[in-house]
Amino acid sequence: MANQANFPVRTMCQVLGVSASGFYAWRERSPSQRGIANAVMTERIRQIHQDSYESYGMPRVRAEQQPAPSRPACRTSPYDRTR
């Protein structure tokens, strides 16, 4: 951890209101499913932005991420009142 060189872990934990044992347990845990999904999404966003020569903003990046809308297999007639 970056600040361990400047401050003791116990002091930082006390300031942040967490236990030192909880910090060490958290540090040893494997990433959660959500953490992994967030990392994958972050990398995809960075790749889309880079592929656009860093010109895409949030609306275009979001549009790139979302799957294309699916079309219904068949359309019902507006005159079909059986539904």
Protein backbone atom coordinates (compact mmCIF):
# COMPACT_ATOMS: atom_id res chain seq x y z
CA MET A 1 0.00 0.00 0.00
CA ALA A 2 1.31 3.41 -0.93
CA ASN A 3 0.83 5.26 2.36
CA GLN A 4 2.38 2.54 4.51
CA ALA A 5 5.77 4.13 3.90
CA ASN A 6 4.52 7.37 5.49
CA PHE A 7 2.06 6.20 8.16
CA PRO A 8 1.69 3.03 10.23
CA VAL A 9 -1.20 0.78 9.22
CA ARG A 10 -2.74 0.91 12.70
CA THR A 11 -2.82 4.72 12.62
CA MET A 12 -4.47 4.78 9.19
CA CYS A 13 -7.03 2.20 10.30
CA GLN A 14 -7.84 4.20 13.40
CA VAL A 15 -8.32 7.40 11.36
CA LEU A 16 -10.54 5.56 8.85
CA GLY A 17 -12.52 3.80 11.56
CA VAL A 18 -11.67 0.22 10.54
CA SER A 19 -9.90 -2.52 12.45
CA ALA A 20 -6.37 -3.44 11.51
CA SER A 21 -7.35 -7.13 11.37
CA GLY A 22 -10.19 -6.24 9.00
CA PHE A 23 -7.76 -4.35 6.77
CA TYR A 24 -5.36 -7.28 6.62
CA ALA A 25 -8.22 -9.71 5.92
CA TRP A 26 -9.48 -7.45 3.11
CA ARG A 27 -5.99 -7.23 1.63
CA GLU A 28 -5.71 -11.03 1.41
CA ARG A 29 -9.18 -11.63 -0.07
CA SER A 30 -9.63 -12.44 -3.73
CA PRO A 31 -11.57 -9.87 -5.79
CA SER A 32 -15.37 -10.08 -5.65
CA GLN A 33 -17.50 -10.87 -8.69
CA ARG A 34 -18.59 -7.25 -8.82
CA GLY A 35 -15.01 -6.03 -8.55
CA ILE A 36 -14.01 -8.26 -11.45
CA ALA A 37 -17.00 -7.08 -13.52
CA ASN A 38 -16.13 -3.44 -12.79
CA ALA A 39 -12.52 -4.01 -13.86
CA VAL A 40 -13.67 -5.63 -17.11
CA MET A 41 -16.07 -2.75 -17.80
CA THR A 42 -13.39 -0.15 -17.03
CA GLU A 43 -11.00 -1.81 -19.46
CA ARG A 44 -13.72 -1.95 -22.14
CA ILE A 45 -14.45 1.77 -21.66
CA ARG A 46 -10.75 2.59 -21.96
CA GLN A 47 -10.47 0.50 -25.11
CA ILE A 48 -13.52 2.14 -26.75
CA HIS A 49 -12.14 5.57 -25.87
CA GLN A 50 -8.71 4.70 -27.25
CA ASP A 51 -10.18 3.17 -30.44
CA SER A 52 -12.03 6.44 -31.06
CA TYR A 53 -8.71 8.32 -30.94
CA GLU A 54 -9.88 9.62 -27.55
CA SER A 55 -12.69 11.60 -29.13
CA TYR A 56 -15.70 9.68 -27.75
CA GLY A 57 -17.36 11.06 -24.68
CA MET A 58 -19.74 9.38 -22.26
CA PRO A 59 -22.80 9.23 -24.57
CA ARG A 60 -20.94 7.56 -27.43
CA VAL A 61 -19.04 5.21 -25.14
CA ARG A 62 -22.35 4.16 -23.55
CA ALA A 63 -23.87 3.61 -26.99
CA GLU A 64 -20.88 1.44 -27.96
CA GLN A 65 -21.27 -0.66 -24.82
CA GLN A 66 -24.96 -1.36 -25.16
CA PRO A 67 -25.94 -4.23 -27.42
CA ALA A 68 -27.85 -3.42 -30.58
CA PRO A 69 -31.60 -3.41 -29.98
CA SER A 70 -33.23 -6.67 -31.01
CA ARG A 71 -36.11 -6.59 -33.42
CA PRO A 72 -39.21 -8.66 -32.82
CA ALA A 73 -39.48 -11.81 -34.93
CA CYS A 74 -42.86 -10.73 -36.28
CA ARG A 75 -45.06 -7.71 -36.05
CA THR A 76 -48.67 -7.79 -35.10
CA SER A 77 -51.10 -5.85 -37.16
CA PRO A 78 -52.60 -2.76 -35.55
CA TYR A 79 -55.93 -4.24 -36.62
CA ASP A 80 -55.33 -7.47 -34.70
CA ARG A 81 -57.46 -6.96 -31.58
CA THR A 82 -57.18 -10.51 -30.27
CA ARG A 83 -54.43 -9.58 -27.78
